[in-house]
Amino acid sequence: MFNIKVPATSANLGAGFDCLAIAIDLYNTFKIEKAPKGFKGDNLIYKSYYEVFKHLNEEIIEIKISSDSNIPISRGLGSSASCIVAGVLAANKILNFPLNNEELLNLSNSIEGHPDNVSAALYGGLTINAVKNGKVLTNKIIPNESIKFTALIPGFELSTKSSREVIPREISLDTAVFNIQRTALLVSSLINGNLDLLKWAVEDKIHQPYRMDLIENSNIVFNTAYELGALAVFLSGAGPTIMCITHIKNKEFKDNISSRLKKISGEWKVFEHNIDLEGAKIIN
């Protein structure tokens, strides 16, 4: 019938916990076909698909969904968000587009539980998100063109549930101020290209110090990336992937970090990415 292409996402960007995310040029593609009689799907994609019908009080039209998955699971790159977005977009198309993008985002957020990954997956670019009275407020910006992203992906998984459980439920005023300052600094620096500030702008005291304890050799990887010229280094989402921002003129970073990571346990793999600016697409 049709295909849906959804980009991977990297959330938080350091201090922007549960509010910032970028879309990158790594994709899952979902093939939507007519289902055989009596068929009923049972995974996150189908759950999200059925949620649209429930939301609109429509009779479910069964479909069969197959996927070409390139986004690794449980690595902090938005694999779950890609499934949710694919499900709601598929249902919206099948029902002849009754929901606009804002409604799709809010429904996706209700399934995911936080808006950052799903907003970036839907819209592309860098999204800044807040929630008011259950509704997502989001703003998309296009970061400075002189940067690229390098994902350092280990051979082990880390569940979002496990990585959320280690985060303190309460923080001090000083910690809140620390993160607010850096989140604002990060967004402004990505817009105006003041890249020298990025290293300090991705500092965080809310989630990274606790999650990094769950990721073997994460501090060594962070330090190594900075030694090799990374402008910024942060956990991608809940981890364990570590994301680096580099200048587009830094042509040696990928090879250099790949060589160094071979000496660090964890079976790290290195992939360079640009920002996806368009977000999820329905391909007829």
C-alpha atoms as a PDB file:
ATOM      1  CA  MET A   1       0.000   0.000   0.000  1.00  0.00           C
ATOM      2  CA  PHE A   2       2.650   2.531   1.109  1.00  0.00           C
ATOM      3  CA  ASN A   3       5.868   3.006   3.098  1.00  0.00           C
ATOM      4  CA  ILE A   4       6.809   5.228   6.028  1.00  0.00           C
ATOM      5  CA  LYS A   5      10.382   6.372   6.628  1.00  0.00           C
ATOM      6  CA  VAL A   6      11.257   7.605  10.129  1.00  0.00           C
ATOM      7  CA  PRO A   7      14.627   9.054  11.249  1.00  0.00           C
ATOM      8  CA  ALA A   8      16.578   8.075  14.323  1.00  0.00           C
ATOM      9  CA  THR A   9      16.723  10.660  17.077  1.00  0.00           C
ATOM     10  CA  SER A  10      19.138  11.689  19.799  1.00  0.00           C
ATOM     11  CA  ALA A  11      17.520  13.270  22.835  1.00  0.00           C
ATOM     12  CA  ASN A  12      18.608  15.451  25.760  1.00  0.00           C
ATOM     13  CA  LEU A  13      21.868  16.778  24.243  1.00  0.00           C
ATOM     14  CA  GLY A  14      23.332  16.979  27.712  1.00  0.00           C
ATOM     15  CA  ALA A  15      21.424  19.395  29.911  1.00  0.00           C
ATOM     16  CA  GLY A  16      18.200  19.411  27.864  1.00  0.00           C
ATOM     17  CA  PHE A  17      16.693  16.461  29.691  1.00  0.00           C
ATOM     18  CA  ASP A  18      13.332  15.420  28.197  1.00  0.00           C
ATOM     19  CA  CYS A  19      13.083  18.643  26.195  1.00  0.00           C
ATOM     20  CA  LEU A  20      15.693  18.626  23.387  1.00  0.00           C
ATOM     21  CA  ALA A  21      16.186  16.180  20.514  1.00  0.00           C
ATOM     22  CA  ILE A  22      17.689  16.052  17.046  1.00  0.00           C
ATOM     23  CA  ALA A  23      16.803  13.863  14.076  1.00  0.00           C
ATOM     24  CA  ILE A  24      19.702  12.234  12.214  1.00  0.00           C
ATOM     25  CA  ASP A  25      20.030  10.583   8.817  1.00  0.00           C
ATOM     26  CA  LEU A  26      19.602   7.003  10.007  1.00  0.00           C
ATOM     27  CA  TYR A  27      16.208   5.474   9.237  1.00  0.00           C
ATOM     28  CA  ASN A  28      13.693   2.735   9.863  1.00  0.00           C
ATOM     29  CA  THR A  29      11.377   2.080   6.931  1.00  0.00           C
ATOM     30  CA  PHE A  30       7.967   0.513   7.499  1.00  0.00           C
ATOM     31  CA  LYS A  31       5.961  -1.212   4.760  1.00  0.00           C
ATOM     32  CA  ILE A  32       2.199  -1.001   5.225  1.00  0.00           C
ATOM     33  CA  GLU A  33       0.110  -3.643   3.461  1.00  0.00           C
ATOM     34  CA  LYS A  34      -3.422  -4.955   3.488  1.00  0.00           C
ATOM     35  CA  ALA A  35      -3.771  -7.581   6.222  1.00  0.00           C
ATOM     36  CA  PRO A  36      -5.155 -11.079   5.686  1.00  0.00           C
ATOM     37  CA  LYS A  37      -8.523 -11.803   7.242  1.00  0.00           C
ATOM     38  CA  GLY A  38      -8.373 -12.242  11.014  1.00  0.00           C
ATOM     39  CA  PHE A  39      -4.889 -10.753  11.319  1.00  0.00           C
ATOM     40  CA  LYS A  40      -4.057  -8.667  14.402  1.00  0.00           C
ATOM     41  CA  GLY A  41      -0.627  -7.214  15.139  1.00  0.00           C
ATOM     42  CA  ASP A  42       0.992  -7.148  18.573  1.00  0.00           C
ATOM     43  CA  ASN A  43       3.932  -4.777  19.002  1.00  0.00           C
ATOM     44  CA  LEU A  44       4.548  -1.072  19.626  1.00  0.00           C
ATOM     45  CA  ILE A  45       3.894  -0.128  16.003  1.00  0.00           C
ATOM     46  CA  TYR A  46       0.484  -1.786  16.013  1.00  0.00           C
ATOM     47  CA  LYS A  47      -0.310  -0.458  19.482  1.00  0.00           C
ATOM     48  CA  SER A  48       0.325   3.078  18.222  1.00  0.00           C
ATOM     49  CA  TYR A  49      -1.673   2.389  15.067  1.00  0.00           C
ATOM     50  CA  TYR A  50      -4.666   1.127  17.062  1.00  0.00           C
ATOM     51  CA  GLU A  51      -4.422   4.096  19.443  1.00  0.00           C
ATOM     52  CA  VAL A  52      -5.379   6.472  16.622  1.00  0.00           C
ATOM     53  CA  PHE A  53      -8.546   4.497  15.907  1.00  0.00           C
ATOM     54  CA  LYS A  54      -9.372   4.458  19.607  1.00  0.00           C
ATOM     55  CA  HIS A  55      -8.740   8.210  19.854  1.00  0.00           C
ATOM     56  CA  LEU A  56     -11.055   8.906  16.924  1.00  0.00           C
ATOM     57  CA  ASN A  57     -13.607   6.243  17.933  1.00  0.00           C
ATOM     58  CA  GLU A  58     -13.238   4.582  14.531  1.00  0.00           C
ATOM     59  CA  GLU A  59     -13.542   0.894  13.678  1.00  0.00           C
ATOM     60  CA  ILE A  60     -10.079  -0.606  13.273  1.00  0.00           C
ATOM     61  CA  ILE A  61      -8.890  -1.351   9.752  1.00  0.00           C
ATOM     62  CA  GLU A  62      -6.350  -4.159  10.058  1.00  0.00           C
ATOM     63  CA  ILE A  63      -3.058  -3.861   8.225  1.00  0.00           C
ATOM     64  CA  LYS A  64       0.197  -5.794   8.099  1.00  0.00           C
ATOM     65  CA  ILE A  65       3.368  -3.871   8.955  1.00  0.00           C
ATOM     66  CA  SER A  66       6.871  -5.046   8.103  1.00  0.00           C
ATOM     67  CA  SER A  67      10.013  -3.070   8.784  1.00  0.00           C
ATOM     68  CA  ASP A  68      13.530  -2.552   7.487  1.00  0.00           C
ATOM     69  CA  SER A  69      15.175  -1.588  10.775  1.00  0.00           C
ATOM     70  CA  ASN A  70      18.462   0.300  10.784  1.00  0.00           C
ATOM     71  CA  ILE A  71      18.050   2.083  14.126  1.00  0.00           C
ATOM     72  CA  PRO A  72      19.599  -0.139  16.819  1.00  0.00           C
ATOM     73  CA  ILE A  73      17.321  -1.134  19.697  1.00  0.00           C
ATOM     74  CA  SER A  74      17.945   0.046  23.277  1.00  0.00           C
ATOM     75  CA  ARG A  75      20.871   2.241  22.308  1.00  0.00           C
ATOM     76  CA  GLY A  76      19.388   5.704  22.938  1.00  0.00           C
ATOM     77  CA  LEU A  77      18.649   6.488  19.290  1.00  0.00           C
ATOM     78  CA  GLY A  78      14.856   6.632  19.334  1.00  0.00           C
ATOM     79  CA  SER A  79      13.982   3.178  18.018  1.00  0.00           C
ATOM     80  CA  SER A  80      10.769   3.161  20.086  1.00  0.00           C
ATOM     81  CA  ALA A  81       9.855   6.648  18.911  1.00  0.00           C
ATOM     82  CA  SER A  82      10.271   5.547  15.290  1.00  0.00           C
ATOM     83  CA  CYS A  83       7.761   2.734  15.869  1.00  0.00           C
ATOM     84  CA  ILE A  84       5.255   5.049  17.547  1.00  0.00           C
ATOM     85  CA  VAL A  85       5.506   7.675  14.817  1.00  0.00           C
ATOM     86  CA  ALA A  86       5.192   5.039  12.093  1.00  0.00           C
ATOM     87  CA  GLY A  87       2.074   3.619  13.748  1.00  0.00           C
ATOM     88  CA  VAL A  88       0.233   6.905  14.141  1.00  0.00           C
ATOM     89  CA  LEU A  89       1.188   8.096  10.643  1.00  0.00           C
ATOM     90  CA  ALA A  90      -0.025   4.827   9.124  1.00  0.00           C
ATOM     91  CA  ALA A  91      -3.391   5.101  10.853  1.00  0.00           C
ATOM     92  CA  ASN A  92      -3.747   8.748   9.929  1.00  0.00           C
ATOM     93  CA  LYS A  93      -3.182   7.978   6.260  1.00  0.00           C
ATOM     94  CA  ILE A  94      -5.513   4.964   6.280  1.00  0.00           C
ATOM     95  CA  LEU A  95      -8.229   7.221   7.755  1.00  0.00           C
ATOM     96  CA  ASN A  96      -7.557   9.948   5.144  1.00  0.00           C
ATOM     97  CA  PHE A  97      -5.604  12.329   7.410  1.00  0.00           C
ATOM     98  CA  PRO A  98      -8.095  13.418  10.091  1.00  0.00           C
ATOM     99  CA  LEU A  99      -5.268  14.518  12.445  1.00  0.00           C
ATOM    100  CA  ASN A 100      -2.855  17.385  11.907  1.00  0.00           C
ATOM    101  CA  ASN A 101       0.818  17.291  12.940  1.00  0.00           C
ATOM    102  CA  GLU A 102       0.140  18.838  16.338  1.00  0.00           C
ATOM    103  CA  GLU A 103      -2.504  16.211  17.103  1.00  0.00           C
ATOM    104  CA  LEU A 104      -0.199  13.442  15.894  1.00  0.00           C
ATOM    105  CA  LEU A 105       2.562  14.747  18.150  1.00  0.00           C
ATOM    106  CA  ASN A 106       0.319  14.872  21.203  1.00  0.00           C
ATOM    107  CA  LEU A 107      -0.953  11.366  20.579  1.00  0.00           C
ATOM    108  CA  SER A 108       2.615  10.110  20.082  1.00  0.00           C
ATOM    109  CA  ASN A 109       3.669  11.811  23.299  1.00  0.00           C
ATOM    110  CA  SER A 110       0.847  10.121  25.225  1.00  0.00           C
ATOM    111  CA  ILE A 111       2.201   6.752  24.059  1.00  0.00           C
ATOM    112  CA  GLU A 112       5.918   7.496  24.525  1.00  0.00           C
ATOM    113  CA  GLY A 113       5.601   9.382  27.815  1.00  0.00           C
ATOM    114  CA  HIS A 114       7.889  12.277  26.844  1.00  0.00           C
ATOM    115  CA  PRO A 115       7.880  14.463  23.737  1.00  0.00           C
ATOM    116  CA  ASP A 116      11.517  14.880  22.720  1.00  0.00           C
ATOM    117  CA  ASN A 117      12.191  11.837  20.512  1.00  0.00           C
ATOM    118  CA  VAL A 118       8.745  11.713  18.900  1.00  0.00           C
ATOM    119  CA  SER A 119       8.802  15.423  18.032  1.00  0.00           C
ATOM    120  CA  ALA A 120      12.201  15.182  16.338  1.00  0.00           C
ATOM    121  CA  ALA A 121      11.135  12.001  14.538  1.00  0.00           C
ATOM    122  CA  LEU A 122       7.987  13.718  13.245  1.00  0.00           C
ATOM    123  CA  TYR A 123       9.418  17.131  12.368  1.00  0.00           C
ATOM    124  CA  GLY A 124      13.151  16.619  11.828  1.00  0.00           C
ATOM    125  CA  GLY A 125      15.790  19.171  12.804  1.00  0.00           C
ATOM    126  CA  LEU A 126      16.349  20.126  16.428  1.00  0.00           C
ATOM    127  CA  THR A 127      13.169  20.322  18.470  1.00  0.00           C
ATOM    128  CA  ILE A 128      12.705  22.146  21.773  1.00  0.00           C
ATOM    129  CA  ASN A 129       9.756  20.791  23.717  1.00  0.00           C
ATOM    130  CA  ALA A 130       7.604  21.545  26.738  1.00  0.00           C
ATOM    131  CA  VAL A 131       4.324  20.124  27.994  1.00  0.00           C
ATOM    132  CA  LYS A 132       1.485  22.282  29.337  1.00  0.00           C
ATOM    133  CA  ASN A 133      -1.768  20.734  30.575  1.00  0.00           C
ATOM    134  CA  GLY A 134      -0.919  17.545  28.721  1.00  0.00           C
ATOM    135  CA  LYS A 135      -0.295  19.329  25.420  1.00  0.00           C
ATOM    136  CA  VAL A 136       3.122  19.464  23.754  1.00  0.00           C
ATOM    137  CA  LEU A 137       4.570  22.849  22.889  1.00  0.00           C
ATOM    138  CA  THR A 138       7.362  22.374  20.369  1.00  0.00           C
ATOM    139  CA  ASN A 139       9.649  24.589  18.345  1.00  0.00           C
ATOM    140  CA  LYS A 140      11.842  23.331  15.516  1.00  0.00           C
ATOM    141  CA  ILE A 141      15.115  25.009  14.654  1.00  0.00           C
ATOM    142  CA  ILE A 142      17.804  24.277  12.094  1.00  0.00           C
ATOM    143  CA  PRO A 143      21.244  24.167  13.773  1.00  0.00           C
ATOM    144  CA  ASN A 144      24.302  25.840  12.267  1.00  0.00           C
ATOM    145  CA  GLU A 145      25.444  24.122   9.081  1.00  0.00           C
ATOM    146  CA  SER A 146      29.082  23.808  10.149  1.00  0.00           C
ATOM    147  CA  ILE A 147      28.542  20.814  12.453  1.00  0.00           C
ATOM    148  CA  LYS A 148      28.038  17.072  12.052  1.00  0.00           C
ATOM    149  CA  PHE A 149      27.286  14.284  14.500  1.00  0.00           C
ATOM    150  CA  THR A 150      29.222  11.107  15.220  1.00  0.00           C
ATOM    151  CA  ALA A 151      27.481   8.263  17.059  1.00  0.00           C
ATOM    152  CA  LEU A 152      29.625   5.952  19.164  1.00  0.00           C
ATOM    153  CA  ILE A 153      27.450   2.864  19.557  1.00  0.00           C
ATOM    154  CA  PRO A 154      28.531   0.042  21.896  1.00  0.00           C
ATOM    155  CA  GLY A 155      27.790  -3.617  21.425  1.00  0.00           C
ATOM    156  CA  PHE A 156      25.608  -3.755  24.548  1.00  0.00           C
ATOM    157  CA  GLU A 157      22.093  -2.498  25.252  1.00  0.00           C
ATOM    158  CA  LEU A 158      20.745  -0.304  28.043  1.00  0.00           C
ATOM    159  CA  SER A 159      17.021  -0.150  28.663  1.00  0.00           C
ATOM    160  CA  THR A 160      15.384   3.246  29.103  1.00  0.00           C
ATOM    161  CA  LYS A 161      13.602   1.903  32.176  1.00  0.00           C
ATOM    162  CA  SER A 162      16.861   0.945  33.875  1.00  0.00           C
ATOM    163  CA  SER A 163      18.535   4.228  33.024  1.00  0.00           C
ATOM    164  CA  ARG A 164      15.580   6.247  34.327  1.00  0.00           C
ATOM    165  CA  GLU A 165      15.510   4.396  37.618  1.00  0.00           C
ATOM    166  CA  VAL A 166      18.961   5.690  38.611  1.00  0.00           C
ATOM    167  CA  ILE A 167      18.007   9.363  38.222  1.00  0.00           C
ATOM    168  CA  PRO A 168      17.151  11.173  41.484  1.00  0.00           C
ATOM    169  CA  ARG A 169      13.517  12.189  41.841  1.00  0.00           C
ATOM    170  CA  GLU A 170      14.442  15.540  43.409  1.00  0.00           C
ATOM    171  CA  ILE A 171      17.229  18.013  42.630  1.00  0.00           C
ATOM    172  CA  SER A 172      18.582  21.139  44.295  1.00  0.00           C
ATOM    173  CA  LEU A 173      17.958  24.681  43.134  1.00  0.00           C
ATOM    174  CA  ASP A 174      21.632  24.956  42.186  1.00  0.00           C
ATOM    175  CA  THR A 175      21.349  21.892  39.954  1.00  0.00           C
ATOM    176  CA  ALA A 176      18.212  23.235  38.279  1.00  0.00           C
ATOM    177  CA  VAL A 177      19.889  26.572  37.575  1.00  0.00           C
ATOM    178  CA  PHE A 178      22.999  24.802  36.254  1.00  0.00           C
ATOM    179  CA  ASN A 179      20.965  22.857  33.688  1.00  0.00           C
ATOM    180  CA  ILE A 180      18.728  25.778  32.697  1.00  0.00           C
ATOM    181  CA  GLN A 181      21.794  27.917  31.994  1.00  0.00           C
ATOM    182  CA  ARG A 182      23.413  25.285  29.833  1.00  0.00           C
ATOM    183  CA  THR A 183      20.277  24.359  27.919  1.00  0.00           C
ATOM    184  CA  ALA A 184      19.788  27.983  26.930  1.00  0.00           C
ATOM    185  CA  LEU A 185      23.464  28.308  26.049  1.00  0.00           C
ATOM    186  CA  LEU A 186      23.340  25.162  23.915  1.00  0.00           C
ATOM    187  CA  VAL A 187      20.325  26.187  21.842  1.00  0.00           C
ATOM    188  CA  SER A 188      21.682  29.690  21.215  1.00  0.00           C
ATOM    189  CA  SER A 189      25.135  28.362  20.305  1.00  0.00           C
ATOM    190  CA  LEU A 190      23.703  25.847  17.848  1.00  0.00           C
ATOM    191  CA  ILE A 191      21.734  28.630  16.166  1.00  0.00           C
ATOM    192  CA  ASN A 192      24.428  31.293  15.879  1.00  0.00           C
ATOM    193  CA  GLY A 193      27.402  28.993  15.393  1.00  0.00           C
ATOM    194  CA  ASN A 194      29.337  30.002  18.501  1.00  0.00           C
ATOM    195  CA  LEU A 195      30.753  26.490  18.604  1.00  0.00           C
ATOM    196  CA  ASP A 196      33.437  27.128  21.216  1.00  0.00           C
ATOM    197  CA  LEU A 197      30.679  27.163  23.840  1.00  0.00           C
ATOM    198  CA  LEU A 198      29.276  23.737  22.998  1.00  0.00           C
ATOM    199  CA  LYS A 199      31.617  21.785  25.276  1.00  0.00           C
ATOM    200  CA  TRP A 200      30.314  23.673  28.297  1.00  0.00           C
ATOM    201  CA  ALA A 201      26.734  23.886  27.013  1.00  0.00           C
ATOM    202  CA  VAL A 202      26.266  20.089  27.053  1.00  0.00           C
ATOM    203  CA  GLU A 203      27.308  19.751  30.686  1.00  0.00           C
ATOM    204  CA  ASP A 204      24.594  18.167  32.813  1.00  0.00           C
ATOM    205  CA  LYS A 205      23.911  17.361  36.464  1.00  0.00           C
ATOM    206  CA  ILE A 206      20.440  15.791  36.229  1.00  0.00           C
ATOM    207  CA  HIS A 207      20.871  12.502  34.380  1.00  0.00           C
ATOM    208  CA  GLN A 208      24.268  11.925  32.758  1.00  0.00           C
ATOM    209  CA  PRO A 209      26.394  11.450  35.911  1.00  0.00           C
ATOM    210  CA  TYR A 210      24.054   8.669  37.066  1.00  0.00           C
ATOM    211  CA  ARG A 211      23.546   6.989  33.707  1.00  0.00           C
ATOM    212  CA  MET A 212      27.232   6.981  32.879  1.00  0.00           C
ATOM    213  CA  ASP A 213      27.813   4.721  35.877  1.00  0.00           C
ATOM    214  CA  LEU A 214      25.779   2.094  33.975  1.00  0.00           C
ATOM    215  CA  ILE A 215      27.912   2.403  30.826  1.00  0.00           C
ATOM    216  CA  GLU A 216      31.287   0.710  30.957  1.00  0.00           C
ATOM    217  CA  ASN A 217      34.206   3.024  30.085  1.00  0.00           C
ATOM    218  CA  SER A 218      31.904   5.960  29.299  1.00  0.00           C
ATOM    219  CA  ASN A 219      34.195   8.489  30.986  1.00  0.00           C
ATOM    220  CA  ILE A 220      37.160   7.189  29.002  1.00  0.00           C
ATOM    221  CA  VAL A 221      35.176   7.471  25.760  1.00  0.00           C
ATOM    222  CA  PHE A 222      34.091  11.043  26.611  1.00  0.00           C
ATOM    223  CA  ASN A 223      37.660  12.111  27.330  1.00  0.00           C
ATOM    224  CA  THR A 224      39.003  10.405  24.223  1.00  0.00           C
ATOM    225  CA  ALA A 225      36.465  12.163  21.991  1.00  0.00           C
ATOM    226  CA  TYR A 226      37.445  15.558  23.398  1.00  0.00           C
ATOM    227  CA  GLU A 227      41.148  14.757  22.959  1.00  0.00           C
ATOM    228  CA  LEU A 228      40.469  14.093  19.264  1.00  0.00           C
ATOM    229  CA  GLY A 229      38.724  17.419  18.679  1.00  0.00           C
ATOM    230  CA  ALA A 230      35.052  16.869  19.447  1.00  0.00           C
ATOM    231  CA  LEU A 231      33.217  20.137  20.068  1.00  0.00           C
ATOM    232  CA  ALA A 232      30.702  18.450  22.383  1.00  0.00           C
ATOM    233  CA  VAL A 233      30.098  14.971  23.772  1.00  0.00           C
ATOM    234  CA  PHE A 234      26.897  13.743  25.431  1.00  0.00           C
ATOM    235  CA  LEU A 235      24.828  10.643  26.072  1.00  0.00           C
ATOM    236  CA  SER A 236      22.338  10.021  23.304  1.00  0.00           C
ATOM    237  CA  GLY A 237      18.970   9.762  25.009  1.00  0.00           C
ATOM    238  CA  ALA A 238      19.180   7.278  27.858  1.00  0.00           C
ATOM    239  CA  GLY A 239      22.402   5.815  26.435  1.00  0.00           C
ATOM    240  CA  PRO A 240      24.477   3.781  26.002  1.00  0.00           C
ATOM    241  CA  THR A 241      25.284   5.482  22.673  1.00  0.00           C
ATOM    242  CA  ILE A 242      27.591   8.460  23.096  1.00  0.00           C
ATOM    243  CA  MET A 243      27.063  11.268  20.590  1.00  0.00           C
ATOM    244  CA  CYS A 244      29.758  13.707  19.487  1.00  0.00           C
ATOM    245  CA  ILE A 245      29.397  17.034  17.709  1.00  0.00           C
ATOM    246  CA  THR A 246      32.315  17.876  15.442  1.00  0.00           C
ATOM    247  CA  HIS A 247      33.098  20.568  12.916  1.00  0.00           C
ATOM    248  CA  ILE A 248      32.482  19.502   9.316  1.00  0.00           C
ATOM    249  CA  LYS A 249      36.116  20.347   8.563  1.00  0.00           C
ATOM    250  CA  ASN A 250      37.297  17.731  11.073  1.00  0.00           C
ATOM    251  CA  LYS A 251      37.713  14.955   8.494  1.00  0.00           C
ATOM    252  CA  GLU A 252      39.915  12.752  10.683  1.00  0.00           C
ATOM    253  CA  PHE A 253      37.652  12.396  13.712  1.00  0.00           C
ATOM    254  CA  LYS A 254      35.797   9.246  12.625  1.00  0.00           C
ATOM    255  CA  ASP A 255      38.919   7.278  11.757  1.00  0.00           C
ATOM    256  CA  ASN A 256      40.806   8.510  14.795  1.00  0.00           C
ATOM    257  CA  ILE A 257      38.065   7.710  17.295  1.00  0.00           C
ATOM    258  CA  SER A 258      37.454   4.330  15.634  1.00  0.00           C
ATOM    259  CA  SER A 259      41.108   3.444  16.115  1.00  0.00           C
ATOM    260  CA  ARG A 260      41.123   4.507  19.746  1.00  0.00           C
ATOM    261  CA  LEU A 261      37.863   2.717  20.590  1.00  0.00           C
ATOM    262  CA  LYS A 262      39.304  -0.599  19.423  1.00  0.00           C
ATOM    263  CA  LYS A 263      41.492  -0.467  22.520  1.00  0.00           C
ATOM    264  CA  ILE A 264      38.508   0.148  24.843  1.00  0.00           C
ATOM    265  CA  SER A 265      36.214  -2.742  25.789  1.00  0.00           C
ATOM    266  CA  GLY A 266      32.596  -2.488  24.702  1.00  0.00           C
ATOM    267  CA  GLU A 267      32.735  -3.329  20.989  1.00  0.00           C
ATOM    268  CA  TRP A 268      32.168   0.301  19.989  1.00  0.00           C
ATOM    269  CA  LYS A 269      31.184   1.155  16.421  1.00  0.00           C
ATOM    270  CA  VAL A 270      31.383   4.628  14.892  1.00  0.00           C
ATOM    271  CA  PHE A 271      28.929   6.245  12.475  1.00  0.00           C
ATOM    272  CA  GLU A 272      28.887   9.806  11.093  1.00  0.00           C
ATOM    273  CA  HIS A 273      25.551  11.519  10.590  1.00  0.00           C
ATOM    274  CA  ASN A 274      24.054  14.746   9.378  1.00  0.00           C
ATOM    275  CA  ILE A 275      20.863  16.214  10.796  1.00  0.00           C
ATOM    276  CA  ASP A 276      17.671  15.061   9.105  1.00  0.00           C
ATOM    277  CA  LEU A 277      15.723  18.238   8.442  1.00  0.00           C
ATOM    278  CA  GLU A 278      12.406  16.808   7.215  1.00  0.00           C
ATOM    279  CA  GLY A 279      11.334  14.172   9.716  1.00  0.00           C
ATOM    280  CA  ALA A 280       9.058  11.206   9.015  1.00  0.00           C
ATOM    281  CA  LYS A 281       7.757  10.736   5.502  1.00  0.00           C
ATOM    282  CA  ILE A 282       4.938   8.762   3.928  1.00  0.00           C
ATOM    283  CA  ILE A 283       6.149   7.305   0.646  1.00  0.00           C
ATOM    284  CA  ASN A 284       3.453   6.149  -1.771  1.00  0.00           C
END
